[in-house]
Amino acid sequence: MTLIFRARPEPTCCYVVRVQHKIVHGGIAEDLVRARVQCQEKWPQGEVVQVGVAMTRHDAENWARKNGYLRQGSDPASAET
């Protein structure tokens, strides 16, 4: 009998970027700190805010699609900013 151990998936965070109370971008990331740094380069006056709690990658992708941050059929890895 062979045992197969799967690595526990990293929790994925959903986030939005707000500039003067207006949402200008949204996405998903396993590393929210890295996403904040990258978003600050593009929107220096922006605030990166986590939306909800960390969840599975699948649920985060569904959230992003539902809110228009990830298009149907697009590569989920490109949603990470």
PDB file of N, CA and C in Angstrom:
ATOM      1  N   MET A   1       0.841  -1.178   0.000  1.00  0.00           N
ATOM      2  CA  MET A   1       0.000   0.000   0.000  1.00  0.00           C
ATOM      3  C   MET A   1       0.886   1.241   0.000  1.00  0.00           C
ATOM      4  N   THR A   2       0.614   2.134  -0.906  1.00  0.00           N
ATOM      5  CA  THR A   2       1.389   3.357  -1.018  1.00  0.00           C
ATOM      6  C   THR A   2       0.577   4.510  -0.440  1.00  0.00           C
ATOM      7  N   LEU A   3       1.212   5.266   0.443  1.00  0.00           N
ATOM      8  CA  LEU A   3       0.562   6.443   1.015  1.00  0.00           C
ATOM      9  C   LEU A   3       0.984   7.673   0.235  1.00  0.00           C
ATOM     10  N   ILE A   4       0.010   8.484  -0.084  1.00  0.00           N
ATOM     11  CA  ILE A   4       0.295   9.717  -0.806  1.00  0.00           C
ATOM     12  C   ILE A   4      -0.096  10.873   0.106  1.00  0.00           C
ATOM     13  N   PHE A   5       0.874  11.721   0.382  1.00  0.00           N
ATOM     14  CA  PHE A   5       0.618  12.891   1.202  1.00  0.00           C
ATOM     15  C   PHE A   5       0.568  14.114   0.307  1.00  0.00           C
ATOM     16  N   ARG A   6      -0.459  14.867   0.457  1.00  0.00           N
ATOM     17  CA  ARG A   6      -0.587  16.100  -0.316  1.00  0.00           C
ATOM     18  C   ARG A   6      -0.236  17.271   0.577  1.00  0.00           C
ATOM     19  N   ALA A   7       0.478  18.203   0.012  1.00  0.00           N
ATOM     20  CA  ALA A   7       0.798  19.408   0.764  1.00  0.00           C
ATOM     21  C   ALA A   7      -0.483  20.202   0.993  1.00  0.00           C
ATOM     22  N   ARG A   8      -0.569  20.767   2.138  1.00  0.00           N
ATOM     23  CA  ARG A   8      -1.739  21.586   2.441  1.00  0.00           C
ATOM     24  C   ARG A   8      -1.699  22.837   1.564  1.00  0.00           C
ATOM     25  N   PRO A   9      -2.791  23.151   0.880  1.00  0.00           N
ATOM     26  CA  PRO A   9      -2.770  24.318  -0.014  1.00  0.00           C
ATOM     27  C   PRO A   9      -2.624  25.613   0.779  1.00  0.00           C
ATOM     28  N   GLU A  10      -1.901  26.540   0.185  1.00  0.00           N
ATOM     29  CA  GLU A  10      -1.737  27.848   0.815  1.00  0.00           C
ATOM     30  C   GLU A  10      -3.072  28.583   0.804  1.00  0.00           C
ATOM     31  N   PRO A  11      -3.406  29.244   1.908  1.00  0.00           N
ATOM     32  CA  PRO A  11      -4.627  30.047   1.880  1.00  0.00           C
ATOM     33  C   PRO A  11      -4.447  31.224   0.919  1.00  0.00           C
ATOM     34  N   THR A  12      -5.495  31.556   0.233  1.00  0.00           N
ATOM     35  CA  THR A  12      -5.458  32.639  -0.748  1.00  0.00           C
ATOM     36  C   THR A  12      -6.325  33.783  -0.261  1.00  0.00           C
ATOM     37  N   CYS A  13      -5.811  35.000  -0.373  1.00  0.00           N
ATOM     38  CA  CYS A  13      -6.529  36.190   0.080  1.00  0.00           C
ATOM     39  C   CYS A  13      -7.117  36.932  -1.116  1.00  0.00           C
ATOM     40  N   CYS A  14      -8.258  37.518  -0.903  1.00  0.00           N
ATOM     41  CA  CYS A  14      -8.867  38.409  -1.886  1.00  0.00           C
ATOM     42  C   CYS A  14      -8.584  39.837  -1.420  1.00  0.00           C
ATOM     43  N   TYR A  15      -8.317  40.714  -2.355  1.00  0.00           N
ATOM     44  CA  TYR A  15      -8.020  42.088  -1.968  1.00  0.00           C
ATOM     45  C   TYR A  15      -8.534  43.067  -3.010  1.00  0.00           C
ATOM     46  N   VAL A  16      -8.697  44.317  -2.585  1.00  0.00           N
ATOM     47  CA  VAL A  16      -9.020  45.415  -3.492  1.00  0.00           C
ATOM     48  C   VAL A  16      -8.057  46.557  -3.200  1.00  0.00           C
ATOM     49  N   VAL A  17      -7.849  47.387  -4.210  1.00  0.00           N
ATOM     50  CA  VAL A  17      -7.024  48.579  -4.061  1.00  0.00           C
ATOM     51  C   VAL A  17      -7.953  49.771  -4.159  1.00  0.00           C
ATOM     52  N   ARG A  18      -7.914  50.610  -3.134  1.00  0.00           N
ATOM     53  CA  ARG A  18      -8.756  51.808  -3.110  1.00  0.00           C
ATOM     54  C   ARG A  18      -7.874  53.046  -3.215  1.00  0.00           C
ATOM     55  N   VAL A  19      -8.298  53.975  -4.051  1.00  0.00           N
ATOM     56  CA  VAL A  19      -7.664  55.281  -4.145  1.00  0.00           C
ATOM     57  C   VAL A  19      -8.765  56.294  -3.890  1.00  0.00           C
ATOM     58  N   GLN A  20      -8.655  57.026  -2.818  1.00  0.00           N
ATOM     59  CA  GLN A  20      -9.657  58.008  -2.397  1.00  0.00           C
ATOM     60  C   GLN A  20     -11.053  57.387  -2.378  1.00  0.00           C
ATOM     61  N   HIS A  21     -11.185  56.284  -1.708  1.00  0.00           N
ATOM     62  CA  HIS A  21     -12.446  55.573  -1.487  1.00  0.00           C
ATOM     63  C   HIS A  21     -13.054  54.967  -2.756  1.00  0.00           C
ATOM     64  N   LYS A  22     -12.308  54.954  -3.849  1.00  0.00           N
ATOM     65  CA  LYS A  22     -12.787  54.340  -5.085  1.00  0.00           C
ATOM     66  C   LYS A  22     -11.953  53.090  -5.364  1.00  0.00           C
ATOM     67  N   ILE A  23     -12.611  51.968  -5.630  1.00  0.00           N
ATOM     68  CA  ILE A  23     -11.897  50.735  -5.930  1.00  0.00           C
ATOM     69  C   ILE A  23     -11.373  50.806  -7.365  1.00  0.00           C
ATOM     70  N   VAL A  24     -10.050  50.688  -7.505  1.00  0.00           N
ATOM     71  CA  VAL A  24      -9.429  50.781  -8.823  1.00  0.00           C
ATOM     72  C   VAL A  24      -8.893  49.445  -9.316  1.00  0.00           C
ATOM     73  N   HIS A  25      -8.787  48.454  -8.420  1.00  0.00           N
ATOM     74  CA  HIS A  25      -8.235  47.161  -8.801  1.00  0.00           C
ATOM     75  C   HIS A  25      -8.622  46.136  -7.747  1.00  0.00           C
ATOM     76  N   GLY A  26      -8.664  44.891  -8.149  1.00  0.00           N
ATOM     77  CA  GLY A  26      -8.917  43.803  -7.203  1.00  0.00           C
ATOM     78  C   GLY A  26      -8.223  42.553  -7.693  1.00  0.00           C
ATOM     79  N   GLY A  27      -8.004  41.640  -6.789  1.00  0.00           N
ATOM     80  CA  GLY A  27      -7.344  40.413  -7.194  1.00  0.00           C
ATOM     81  C   GLY A  27      -7.242  39.418  -6.057  1.00  0.00           C
ATOM     82  N   ILE A  28      -6.457  38.372  -6.304  1.00  0.00           N
ATOM     83  CA  ILE A  28      -6.224  37.341  -5.303  1.00  0.00           C
ATOM     84  C   ILE A  28      -4.723  37.114  -5.198  1.00  0.00           C
ATOM     85  N   ALA A  29      -4.276  36.713  -4.010  1.00  0.00           N
ATOM     86  CA  ALA A  29      -2.846  36.480  -3.804  1.00  0.00           C
ATOM     87  C   ALA A  29      -2.642  35.549  -2.626  1.00  0.00           C
ATOM     88  N   GLU A  30      -1.639  34.699  -2.750  1.00  0.00           N
ATOM     89  CA  GLU A  30      -1.254  33.869  -1.616  1.00  0.00           C
ATOM     90  C   GLU A  30      -0.384  34.672  -0.660  1.00  0.00           C
ATOM     91  N   ASP A  31       0.326  35.657  -1.176  1.00  0.00           N
ATOM     92  CA  ASP A  31       1.190  36.508  -0.367  1.00  0.00           C
ATOM     93  C   ASP A  31       0.665  37.941  -0.444  1.00  0.00           C
ATOM     94  N   LEU A  32      -0.132  38.330   0.538  1.00  0.00           N
ATOM     95  CA  LEU A  32      -0.763  39.647   0.515  1.00  0.00           C
ATOM     96  C   LEU A  32       0.262  40.768   0.662  1.00  0.00           C
ATOM     97  N   VAL A  33       1.340  40.525   1.379  1.00  0.00           N
ATOM     98  CA  VAL A  33       2.382  41.545   1.539  1.00  0.00           C
ATOM     99  C   VAL A  33       3.006  41.865   0.186  1.00  0.00           C
ATOM    100  N   ARG A  34       3.314  40.818  -0.583  1.00  0.00           N
ATOM    101  CA  ARG A  34       3.886  41.028  -1.916  1.00  0.00           C
ATOM    102  C   ARG A  34       2.895  41.771  -2.812  1.00  0.00           C
ATOM    103  N   ALA A  35       1.624  41.417  -2.726  1.00  0.00           N
ATOM    104  CA  ALA A  35       0.602  42.100  -3.532  1.00  0.00           C
ATOM    105  C   ALA A  35       0.531  43.576  -3.154  1.00  0.00           C
ATOM    106  N   ARG A  36       0.639  43.866  -1.853  1.00  0.00           N
ATOM    107  CA  ARG A  36       0.609  45.268  -1.404  1.00  0.00           C
ATOM    108  C   ARG A  36       1.777  46.052  -2.002  1.00  0.00           C
ATOM    109  N   VAL A  37       2.967  45.478  -1.957  1.00  0.00           N
ATOM    110  CA  VAL A  37       4.149  46.158  -2.486  1.00  0.00           C
ATOM    111  C   VAL A  37       3.987  46.423  -3.980  1.00  0.00           C
ATOM    112  N   GLN A  38       3.535  45.420  -4.715  1.00  0.00           N
ATOM    113  CA  GLN A  38       3.378  45.586  -6.158  1.00  0.00           C
ATOM    114  C   GLN A  38       2.291  46.604  -6.492  1.00  0.00           C
ATOM    115  N   CYS A  39       1.203  46.592  -5.741  1.00  0.00           N
ATOM    116  CA  CYS A  39       0.119  47.550  -6.007  1.00  0.00           C
ATOM    117  C   CYS A  39       0.539  48.970  -5.631  1.00  0.00           C
ATOM    118  N   GLN A  40       1.360  49.114  -4.587  1.00  0.00           N
ATOM    119  CA  GLN A  40       1.827  50.444  -4.196  1.00  0.00           C
ATOM    120  C   GLN A  40       2.695  51.070  -5.272  1.00  0.00           C
ATOM    121  N   GLU A  41       3.388  50.230  -6.062  1.00  0.00           N
ATOM    122  CA  GLU A  41       4.193  50.770  -7.165  1.00  0.00           C
ATOM    123  C   GLU A  41       3.296  51.380  -8.231  1.00  0.00           C
ATOM    124  N   LYS A  42       2.169  50.755  -8.495  1.00  0.00           N
ATOM    125  CA  LYS A  42       1.263  51.246  -9.539  1.00  0.00           C
ATOM    126  C   LYS A  42       0.340  52.343  -9.026  1.00  0.00           C
ATOM    127  N   TRP A  43      -0.124  52.211  -7.784  1.00  0.00           N
ATOM    128  CA  TRP A  43      -1.021  53.186  -7.172  1.00  0.00           C
ATOM    129  C   TRP A  43      -0.412  53.663  -5.857  1.00  0.00           C
ATOM    130  N   PRO A  44       0.526  54.614  -5.900  1.00  0.00           N
ATOM    131  CA  PRO A  44       1.214  55.041  -4.674  1.00  0.00           C
ATOM    132  C   PRO A  44       0.273  55.609  -3.607  1.00  0.00           C
ATOM    133  N   GLN A  45      -0.809  56.209  -4.030  1.00  0.00           N
ATOM    134  CA  GLN A  45      -1.766  56.769  -3.070  1.00  0.00           C
ATOM    135  C   GLN A  45      -2.822  55.745  -2.657  1.00  0.00           C
ATOM    136  N   GLY A  46      -2.719  54.538  -3.196  1.00  0.00           N
ATOM    137  CA  GLY A  46      -3.725  53.512  -2.952  1.00  0.00           C
ATOM    138  C   GLY A  46      -3.550  52.789  -1.635  1.00  0.00           C
ATOM    139  N   GLU A  47      -4.636  52.179  -1.209  1.00  0.00           N
ATOM    140  CA  GLU A  47      -4.664  51.379   0.013  1.00  0.00           C
ATOM    141  C   GLU A  47      -5.118  49.975  -0.379  1.00  0.00           C
ATOM    142  N   VAL A  48      -4.334  48.973  -0.050  1.00  0.00           N
ATOM    143  CA  VAL A  48      -4.676  47.587  -0.350  1.00  0.00           C
ATOM    144  C   VAL A  48      -5.391  47.019   0.865  1.00  0.00           C
ATOM    145  N   VAL A  49      -6.608  46.538   0.645  1.00  0.00           N
ATOM    146  CA  VAL A  49      -7.443  46.053   1.739  1.00  0.00           C
ATOM    147  C   VAL A  49      -7.847  44.612   1.459  1.00  0.00           C
ATOM    148  N   GLN A  50      -7.627  43.741   2.441  1.00  0.00           N
ATOM    149  CA  GLN A  50      -8.072  42.356   2.303  1.00  0.00           C
ATOM    150  C   GLN A  50      -9.588  42.306   2.424  1.00  0.00           C
ATOM    151  N   VAL A  51     -10.205  41.514   1.565  1.00  0.00           N
ATOM    152  CA  VAL A  51     -11.652  41.354   1.570  1.00  0.00           C
ATOM    153  C   VAL A  51     -11.972  39.982   2.158  1.00  0.00           C
ATOM    154  N   GLY A  52     -12.661  39.947   3.266  1.00  0.00           N
ATOM    155  CA  GLY A  52     -13.024  38.678   3.885  1.00  0.00           C
ATOM    156  C   GLY A  52     -11.827  37.976   4.503  1.00  0.00           C
ATOM    157  N   VAL A  53     -11.976  36.679   4.657  1.00  0.00           N
ATOM    158  CA  VAL A  53     -10.922  35.865   5.267  1.00  0.00           C
ATOM    159  C   VAL A  53     -10.195  35.082   4.180  1.00  0.00           C
ATOM    160  N   ALA A  54      -9.018  34.565   4.521  1.00  0.00           N
ATOM    161  CA  ALA A  54      -8.284  33.725   3.579  1.00  0.00           C
ATOM    162  C   ALA A  54      -9.114  32.477   3.287  1.00  0.00           C
ATOM    163  N   MET A  55      -9.037  32.008   2.039  1.00  0.00           N
ATOM    164  CA  MET A  55      -9.867  30.877   1.611  1.00  0.00           C
ATOM    165  C   MET A  55      -9.080  30.007   0.646  1.00  0.00           C
ATOM    166  N   THR A  56      -9.720  28.989   0.134  1.00  0.00           N
ATOM    167  CA  THR A  56      -9.056  28.129  -0.843  1.00  0.00           C
ATOM    168  C   THR A  56      -8.874  28.888  -2.150  1.00  0.00           C
ATOM    169  N   ARG A  57      -7.927  28.447  -2.944  1.00  0.00           N
ATOM    170  CA  ARG A  57      -7.661  29.077  -4.239  1.00  0.00           C
ATOM    171  C   ARG A  57      -8.913  29.059  -5.116  1.00  0.00           C
ATOM    172  N   HIS A  58      -9.611  27.933  -5.100  1.00  0.00           N
ATOM    173  CA  HIS A  58     -10.832  27.788  -5.903  1.00  0.00           C
ATOM    174  C   HIS A  58     -11.877  28.833  -5.511  1.00  0.00           C
ATOM    175  N   ASP A  59     -12.118  28.987  -4.215  1.00  0.00           N
ATOM    176  CA  ASP A  59     -13.102  29.969  -3.753  1.00  0.00           C
ATOM    177  C   ASP A  59     -12.662  31.395  -4.069  1.00  0.00           C
ATOM    178  N   ALA A  60     -11.361  31.661  -3.945  1.00  0.00           N
ATOM    179  CA  ALA A  60     -10.849  32.993  -4.256  1.00  0.00           C
ATOM    180  C   ALA A  60     -11.017  33.307  -5.742  1.00  0.00           C
ATOM    181  N   GLU A  61     -10.756  32.328  -6.594  1.00  0.00           N
ATOM    182  CA  GLU A  61     -10.945  32.531  -8.032  1.00  0.00           C
ATOM    183  C   GLU A  61     -12.410  32.802  -8.349  1.00  0.00           C
ATOM    184  N   ASN A  62     -13.317  32.090  -7.694  1.00  0.00           N
ATOM    185  CA  ASN A  62     -14.749  32.333  -7.903  1.00  0.00           C
ATOM    186  C   ASN A  62     -15.118  33.746  -7.475  1.00  0.00           C
ATOM    187  N   TRP A  63     -14.578  34.204  -6.347  1.00  0.00           N
ATOM    188  CA  TRP A  63     -14.837  35.571  -5.879  1.00  0.00           C
ATOM    189  C   TRP A  63     -14.346  36.579  -6.916  1.00  0.00           C
ATOM    190  N   ALA A  64     -13.133  36.356  -7.437  1.00  0.00           N
ATOM    191  CA  ALA A  64     -12.556  37.281  -8.410  1.00  0.00           C
ATOM    192  C   ALA A  64     -13.375  37.321  -9.701  1.00  0.00           C
ATOM    193  N   ARG A  65     -13.827  36.158 -10.163  1.00  0.00           N
ATOM    194  CA  ARG A  65     -14.667  36.128 -11.376  1.00  0.00           C
ATOM    195  C   ARG A  65     -15.994  36.840 -11.137  1.00  0.00           C
ATOM    196  N   LYS A  66     -16.608  36.552 -10.011  1.00  0.00           N
ATOM    197  CA  LYS A  66     -17.908  37.143  -9.684  1.00  0.00           C
ATOM    198  C   LYS A  66     -17.839  38.673  -9.644  1.00  0.00           C
ATOM    199  N   ASN A  67     -16.704  39.199  -9.185  1.00  0.00           N
ATOM    200  CA  ASN A  67     -16.552  40.644  -9.050  1.00  0.00           C
ATOM    201  C   ASN A  67     -15.850  41.302 -10.224  1.00  0.00           C
ATOM    202  N   GLY A  68     -15.564  40.511 -11.269  1.00  0.00           N
ATOM    203  CA  GLY A  68     -14.998  41.078 -12.491  1.00  0.00           C
ATOM    204  C   GLY A  68     -13.498  41.294 -12.465  1.00  0.00           C
ATOM    205  N   TYR A  69     -12.781  40.710 -11.500  1.00  0.00           N
ATOM    206  CA  TYR A  69     -11.334  40.871 -11.435  1.00  0.00           C
ATOM    207  C   TYR A  69     -10.602  39.763 -12.169  1.00  0.00           C
ATOM    208  N   LEU A  70     -11.306  38.694 -12.503  1.00  0.00           N
ATOM    209  CA  LEU A  70     -10.719  37.563 -13.209  1.00  0.00           C
ATOM    210  C   LEU A  70     -11.728  37.130 -14.262  1.00  0.00           C
ATOM    211  N   ARG A  71     -11.307  37.177 -15.512  1.00  0.00           N
ATOM    212  CA  ARG A  71     -12.218  36.825 -16.589  1.00  0.00           C
ATOM    213  C   ARG A  71     -12.372  35.326 -16.742  1.00  0.00           C
ATOM    214  N   GLN A  72     -13.507  34.911 -17.211  1.00  0.00           N
ATOM    215  CA  GLN A  72     -13.787  33.491 -17.463  1.00  0.00           C
ATOM    216  C   GLN A  72     -12.737  32.934 -18.414  1.00  0.00           C
ATOM    217  N   GLY A  73     -12.134  31.828 -18.036  1.00  0.00           N
ATOM    218  CA  GLY A  73     -11.171  31.170 -18.904  1.00  0.00           C
ATOM    219  C   GLY A  73      -9.772  31.755 -18.857  1.00  0.00           C
ATOM    220  N   SER A  74      -9.545  32.804 -18.061  1.00  0.00           N
ATOM    221  CA  SER A  74      -8.205  33.368 -17.998  1.00  0.00           C
ATOM    222  C   SER A  74      -7.361  32.592 -16.995  1.00  0.00           C
ATOM    223  N   ASP A  75      -6.059  32.785 -17.077  1.00  0.00           N
ATOM    224  CA  ASP A  75      -5.121  32.095 -16.191  1.00  0.00           C
ATOM    225  C   ASP A  75      -5.199  32.720 -14.802  1.00  0.00           C
ATOM    226  N   PRO A  76      -5.573  31.951 -13.760  1.00  0.00           N
ATOM    227  CA  PRO A  76      -5.681  32.501 -12.418  1.00  0.00           C
ATOM    228  C   PRO A  76      -4.383  33.091 -11.896  1.00  0.00           C
ATOM    229  N   ALA A  77      -3.248  32.585 -12.323  1.00  0.00           N
ATOM    230  CA  ALA A  77      -1.975  33.108 -11.836  1.00  0.00           C
ATOM    231  C   ALA A  77      -1.774  34.564 -12.265  1.00  0.00           C
ATOM    232  N   SER A  78      -2.383  34.965 -13.366  1.00  0.00           N
ATOM    233  CA  SER A  78      -2.240  36.343 -13.824  1.00  0.00           C
ATOM    234  C   SER A  78      -3.030  37.307 -12.968  1.00  0.00           C
ATOM    235  N   ALA A  79      -3.935  36.796 -12.124  1.00  0.00           N
ATOM    236  CA  ALA A  79      -4.713  37.667 -11.248  1.00  0.00           C
ATOM    237  C   ALA A  79      -3.881  38.154 -10.091  1.00  0.00           C
ATOM    238  N   GLU A  80      -2.820  37.445  -9.766  1.00  0.00           N
ATOM    239  CA  GLU A  80      -1.968  37.874  -8.657  1.00  0.00           C
ATOM    240  C   GLU A  80      -1.184  39.091  -9.094  1.00  0.00           C
ATOM    241  N   THR A  81      -1.220  40.084  -8.257  1.00  0.00           N
ATOM    242  CA  THR A  81      -0.511  41.313  -8.579  1.00  0.00           C
ATOM    243  C   THR A  81       0.628  41.503  -7.627  1.00  0.00           C
TER     244      THR A  81
END
